Amino acid sequence: MRILSWIAIFSLFTACVTGGQPTQEYVMAKAAYDAAVSHEAAKYAPQIFYKMEKSFKKAELLYKERYFEEARAEFAKAQKLAERAETQARVKEFTSGDAGDY
């Protein structure tokens, strides 16, 4: 009986640890978002920037409403879009001759 109670406690603890808040995903997506903004992705990659912004806002809303698994997936999507937008913005900025610090 004692072993079963320890197994139950361990299982409960493990579930709490693995299903926690997606803090790391939030931070990584926010950093990618900020990088895209700083490289004027809205100007050079507007379609991707719009999708990224929409995805990031959705992830924040899910996070605030405590739908952590859905928020985790949406933050990952927003991060990918932000990285794509930043890369495309850098390339377009460089090829257009607007690049000042390259």
N, C-alpha and C. Protein backbone atom coordinates (compact mmCIF):
# COMPACT_ATOMS: atom_id res chain seq x y z
N MET A 1 0.83 -1.20 0.00
CA MET A 1 0.00 0.00 0.00
C MET A 1 0.87 1.26 0.00
N ARG A 2 1.93 1.20 0.76
CA ARG A 2 2.84 2.34 0.85
C ARG A 2 3.48 2.64 -0.50
N ILE A 3 3.82 1.60 -1.22
CA ILE A 3 4.45 1.77 -2.53
C ILE A 3 3.48 2.44 -3.49
N LEU A 4 2.23 2.03 -3.44
CA LEU A 4 1.22 2.64 -4.31
C LEU A 4 1.04 4.12 -4.02
N SER A 5 1.07 4.50 -2.77
CA SER A 5 0.94 5.92 -2.44
C SER A 5 2.15 6.72 -2.93
N TRP A 6 3.34 6.13 -2.84
CA TRP A 6 4.54 6.81 -3.35
C TRP A 6 4.48 6.94 -4.87
N ILE A 7 3.99 5.91 -5.51
CA ILE A 7 3.86 5.97 -6.97
C ILE A 7 2.85 7.05 -7.36
N ALA A 8 1.77 7.14 -6.64
CA ALA A 8 0.76 8.17 -6.92
C ALA A 8 1.33 9.57 -6.72
N ILE A 9 2.06 9.76 -5.64
CA ILE A 9 2.68 11.07 -5.37
C ILE A 9 3.70 11.41 -6.45
N PHE A 10 4.53 10.45 -6.81
CA PHE A 10 5.54 10.68 -7.84
C PHE A 10 4.88 11.02 -9.18
N SER A 11 3.82 10.29 -9.53
CA SER A 11 3.11 10.55 -10.78
C SER A 11 2.50 11.94 -10.80
N LEU A 12 1.92 12.33 -9.69
CA LEU A 12 1.33 13.66 -9.57
C LEU A 12 2.40 14.74 -9.71
N PHE A 13 3.51 14.55 -9.05
CA PHE A 13 4.62 15.52 -9.12
C PHE A 13 5.15 15.61 -10.54
N THR A 14 5.35 14.49 -11.20
CA THR A 14 5.85 14.48 -12.57
C THR A 14 4.88 15.18 -13.51
N ALA A 15 3.60 14.95 -13.35
CA ALA A 15 2.60 15.61 -14.19
C ALA A 15 2.63 17.11 -14.01
N CYS A 16 2.83 17.57 -12.79
CA CYS A 16 2.89 19.01 -12.52
C CYS A 16 4.12 19.64 -13.15
N VAL A 17 5.23 18.96 -13.11
CA VAL A 17 6.47 19.50 -13.64
C VAL A 17 6.42 19.57 -15.16
N THR A 18 5.95 18.52 -15.81
CA THR A 18 5.97 18.51 -17.28
C THR A 18 4.87 19.36 -17.89
N GLY A 19 3.79 19.61 -17.18
CA GLY A 19 2.69 20.37 -17.75
C GLY A 19 2.67 21.82 -17.29
N GLY A 20 3.81 22.35 -16.91
CA GLY A 20 3.88 23.70 -16.37
C GLY A 20 3.77 24.78 -17.42
N GLN A 21 3.97 25.98 -16.96
CA GLN A 21 3.88 27.15 -17.83
C GLN A 21 4.98 27.13 -18.89
N PRO A 22 4.67 27.55 -20.10
CA PRO A 22 5.66 27.57 -21.18
C PRO A 22 6.52 28.85 -21.13
N THR A 23 7.18 29.07 -20.01
CA THR A 23 7.95 30.29 -19.82
C THR A 23 9.10 30.41 -20.81
N GLN A 24 9.83 29.32 -21.00
CA GLN A 24 10.96 29.36 -21.93
C GLN A 24 10.49 29.64 -23.35
N GLU A 25 9.41 29.02 -23.75
CA GLU A 25 8.87 29.24 -25.09
C GLU A 25 8.43 30.68 -25.27
N TYR A 26 7.84 31.24 -24.21
CA TYR A 26 7.39 32.64 -24.23
C TYR A 26 8.60 33.57 -24.44
N VAL A 27 9.65 33.34 -23.67
CA VAL A 27 10.84 34.19 -23.75
C VAL A 27 11.50 34.08 -25.12
N MET A 28 11.61 32.86 -25.63
CA MET A 28 12.25 32.67 -26.94
C MET A 28 11.43 33.31 -28.07
N ALA A 29 10.11 33.14 -28.00
CA ALA A 29 9.25 33.74 -29.02
C ALA A 29 9.29 35.26 -28.94
N LYS A 30 9.33 35.80 -27.73
CA LYS A 30 9.39 37.26 -27.55
C LYS A 30 10.70 37.81 -28.09
N ALA A 31 11.79 37.11 -27.85
CA ALA A 31 13.10 37.55 -28.36
C ALA A 31 13.11 37.55 -29.89
N ALA A 32 12.56 36.50 -30.49
CA ALA A 32 12.48 36.42 -31.94
C ALA A 32 11.57 37.51 -32.50
N TYR A 33 10.47 37.74 -31.80
CA TYR A 33 9.51 38.80 -32.19
C TYR A 33 10.21 40.17 -32.17
N ASP A 34 10.92 40.46 -31.08
CA ASP A 34 11.63 41.73 -30.96
C ASP A 34 12.70 41.90 -32.03
N ALA A 35 13.39 40.82 -32.36
CA ALA A 35 14.42 40.88 -33.41
C ALA A 35 13.78 41.18 -34.76
N ALA A 36 12.63 40.57 -35.03
CA ALA A 36 11.93 40.84 -36.30
C ALA A 36 11.48 42.29 -36.37
N VAL A 37 10.99 42.82 -35.27
CA VAL A 37 10.57 44.22 -35.22
C VAL A 37 11.77 45.14 -35.44
N SER A 38 12.88 44.84 -34.79
CA SER A 38 14.05 45.71 -34.89
C SER A 38 14.67 45.71 -36.29
N HIS A 39 14.42 44.66 -37.06
CA HIS A 39 14.94 44.60 -38.44
C HIS A 39 13.87 44.97 -39.46
N GLU A 40 12.84 45.68 -38.98
CA GLU A 40 11.78 46.21 -39.84
C GLU A 40 11.11 45.14 -40.70
N ALA A 41 10.80 44.02 -40.10
CA ALA A 41 10.14 42.94 -40.82
C ALA A 41 8.76 43.36 -41.31
N ALA A 42 8.13 44.30 -40.61
CA ALA A 42 6.82 44.78 -41.05
C ALA A 42 6.93 45.46 -42.42
N LYS A 43 8.06 46.07 -42.69
CA LYS A 43 8.29 46.76 -43.96
C LYS A 43 8.78 45.79 -45.04
N TYR A 44 9.73 44.92 -44.69
CA TYR A 44 10.37 44.07 -45.68
C TYR A 44 9.72 42.69 -45.85
N ALA A 45 8.96 42.24 -44.86
CA ALA A 45 8.29 40.93 -44.94
C ALA A 45 6.90 41.03 -44.30
N PRO A 46 6.04 41.86 -44.87
CA PRO A 46 4.77 42.16 -44.21
C PRO A 46 3.83 40.96 -44.04
N GLN A 47 3.81 40.04 -45.01
CA GLN A 47 2.90 38.90 -44.89
C GLN A 47 3.30 38.00 -43.73
N ILE A 48 4.57 37.69 -43.65
CA ILE A 48 5.07 36.83 -42.56
C ILE A 48 4.95 37.57 -41.24
N PHE A 49 5.24 38.86 -41.24
CA PHE A 49 5.15 39.65 -40.01
C PHE A 49 3.73 39.64 -39.47
N TYR A 50 2.75 39.77 -40.34
CA TYR A 50 1.35 39.76 -39.91
C TYR A 50 0.99 38.42 -39.28
N LYS A 51 1.40 37.32 -39.92
CA LYS A 51 1.13 35.99 -39.39
C LYS A 51 1.82 35.80 -38.03
N MET A 52 3.06 36.29 -37.92
CA MET A 52 3.81 36.17 -36.68
C MET A 52 3.12 36.94 -35.56
N GLU A 53 2.70 38.14 -35.86
CA GLU A 53 2.05 38.98 -34.86
C GLU A 53 0.74 38.33 -34.38
N LYS A 54 -0.03 37.83 -35.31
CA LYS A 54 -1.29 37.16 -34.99
C LYS A 54 -1.04 35.93 -34.12
N SER A 55 -0.05 35.15 -34.48
CA SER A 55 0.28 33.93 -33.74
C SER A 55 0.79 34.27 -32.33
N PHE A 56 1.62 35.27 -32.21
CA PHE A 56 2.17 35.66 -30.91
C PHE A 56 1.08 36.17 -29.98
N LYS A 57 0.18 36.98 -30.53
CA LYS A 57 -0.93 37.50 -29.71
C LYS A 57 -1.85 36.37 -29.26
N LYS A 58 -2.10 35.42 -30.14
CA LYS A 58 -2.92 34.26 -29.79
C LYS A 58 -2.24 33.46 -28.68
N ALA A 59 -0.93 33.26 -28.79
CA ALA A 59 -0.19 32.52 -27.77
C ALA A 59 -0.24 33.23 -26.42
N GLU A 60 -0.11 34.55 -26.44
CA GLU A 60 -0.20 35.31 -25.19
C GLU A 60 -1.58 35.16 -24.54
N LEU A 61 -2.60 35.20 -25.36
CA LEU A 61 -3.96 35.04 -24.84
C LEU A 61 -4.16 33.65 -24.24
N LEU A 62 -3.69 32.62 -24.94
CA LEU A 62 -3.78 31.26 -24.42
C LEU A 62 -3.00 31.12 -23.12
N TYR A 63 -1.85 31.76 -23.05
CA TYR A 63 -1.02 31.74 -21.85
C TYR A 63 -1.76 32.38 -20.67
N LYS A 64 -2.35 33.53 -20.92
CA LYS A 64 -3.08 34.23 -19.86
C LYS A 64 -4.30 33.45 -19.39
N GLU A 65 -4.91 32.71 -20.32
CA GLU A 65 -6.08 31.90 -19.97
C GLU A 65 -5.69 30.52 -19.44
N ARG A 66 -4.39 30.30 -19.29
CA ARG A 66 -3.82 29.09 -18.70
C ARG A 66 -4.01 27.82 -19.54
N TYR A 67 -4.09 27.99 -20.86
CA TYR A 67 -4.09 26.85 -21.77
C TYR A 67 -2.64 26.66 -22.21
N PHE A 68 -1.85 26.10 -21.31
CA PHE A 68 -0.40 26.09 -21.47
C PHE A 68 0.09 25.24 -22.65
N GLU A 69 -0.50 24.09 -22.87
CA GLU A 69 -0.04 23.25 -23.99
C GLU A 69 -0.32 23.93 -25.32
N GLU A 70 -1.51 24.52 -25.47
CA GLU A 70 -1.83 25.23 -26.70
C GLU A 70 -0.95 26.46 -26.87
N ALA A 71 -0.68 27.15 -25.76
CA ALA A 71 0.19 28.33 -25.80
C ALA A 71 1.60 27.93 -26.20
N ARG A 72 2.08 26.80 -25.67
CA ARG A 72 3.42 26.32 -26.00
C ARG A 72 3.55 26.10 -27.51
N ALA A 73 2.57 25.45 -28.11
CA ALA A 73 2.60 25.20 -29.55
C ALA A 73 2.52 26.50 -30.34
N GLU A 74 1.70 27.42 -29.89
CA GLU A 74 1.53 28.69 -30.60
C GLU A 74 2.78 29.57 -30.46
N PHE A 75 3.44 29.55 -29.31
CA PHE A 75 4.70 30.28 -29.15
C PHE A 75 5.77 29.73 -30.09
N ALA A 76 5.82 28.41 -30.23
CA ALA A 76 6.78 27.79 -31.15
C ALA A 76 6.50 28.23 -32.58
N LYS A 77 5.23 28.27 -32.96
CA LYS A 77 4.85 28.73 -34.29
C LYS A 77 5.22 30.19 -34.49
N ALA A 78 4.94 31.02 -33.50
CA ALA A 78 5.27 32.44 -33.58
C ALA A 78 6.78 32.65 -33.69
N GLN A 79 7.54 31.86 -32.95
CA GLN A 79 9.00 31.98 -33.01
C GLN A 79 9.52 31.65 -34.41
N LYS A 80 9.01 30.56 -34.99
CA LYS A 80 9.43 30.19 -36.35
C LYS A 80 9.10 31.29 -37.35
N LEU A 81 7.89 31.82 -37.25
CA LEU A 81 7.49 32.90 -38.16
C LEU A 81 8.34 34.15 -37.96
N ALA A 82 8.63 34.46 -36.71
CA ALA A 82 9.45 35.64 -36.41
C ALA A 82 10.86 35.48 -37.00
N GLU A 83 11.42 34.29 -36.86
CA GLU A 83 12.75 34.05 -37.41
C GLU A 83 12.75 34.14 -38.94
N ARG A 84 11.69 33.61 -39.55
CA ARG A 84 11.55 33.73 -41.01
C ARG A 84 11.41 35.18 -41.43
N ALA A 85 10.58 35.93 -40.71
CA ALA A 85 10.36 37.34 -41.04
C ALA A 85 11.65 38.14 -40.89
N GLU A 86 12.38 37.88 -39.82
CA GLU A 86 13.64 38.60 -39.61
C GLU A 86 14.64 38.28 -40.72
N THR A 87 14.77 37.00 -41.06
CA THR A 87 15.71 36.60 -42.11
C THR A 87 15.34 37.24 -43.45
N GLN A 88 14.07 37.17 -43.79
CA GLN A 88 13.63 37.77 -45.05
C GLN A 88 13.85 39.28 -45.04
N ALA A 89 13.60 39.91 -43.92
CA ALA A 89 13.81 41.36 -43.82
C ALA A 89 15.28 41.71 -43.97
N ARG A 90 16.14 40.93 -43.35
CA ARG A 90 17.59 41.18 -43.47
C ARG A 90 18.06 41.05 -44.92
N VAL A 91 17.58 40.00 -45.58
CA VAL A 91 17.98 39.78 -46.98
C VAL A 91 17.48 40.91 -47.87
N LYS A 92 16.22 41.26 -47.72
CA LYS A 92 15.65 42.34 -48.56
C LYS A 92 16.30 43.67 -48.25
N GLU A 93 16.57 43.93 -46.97
CA GLU A 93 17.24 45.16 -46.59
C GLU A 93 18.64 45.23 -47.21
N PHE A 94 19.34 44.12 -47.15
CA PHE A 94 20.70 44.07 -47.69
C PHE A 94 20.71 44.23 -49.20
N THR A 95 19.81 43.52 -49.89
CA THR A 95 19.80 43.58 -51.35
C THR A 95 19.26 44.91 -51.89
N SER A 96 18.47 45.61 -51.09
CA SER A 96 17.94 46.89 -51.55
C SER A 96 18.93 48.05 -51.32
N GLY A 97 19.99 47.76 -50.58
CA GLY A 97 20.98 48.80 -50.32
C GLY A 97 20.68 49.65 -49.11
N ASP A 98 19.66 49.29 -48.34
CA ASP A 98 19.31 50.03 -47.14
C ASP A 98 20.13 49.63 -45.92
N ALA A 99 20.91 48.60 -46.07
CA ALA A 99 21.66 48.08 -44.91
C ALA A 99 22.73 49.06 -44.50
N GLY A 100 22.61 49.54 -43.27
CA GLY A 100 23.57 50.52 -42.77
C GLY A 100 24.73 49.94 -42.00
N ASP A 101 24.50 48.84 -41.29
CA ASP A 101 25.55 48.33 -40.41
C ASP A 101 26.02 46.93 -40.82
N TYR A 102 26.10 46.67 -42.13
CA TYR A 102 26.64 45.40 -42.59
C TYR A 102 27.99 45.58 -43.17
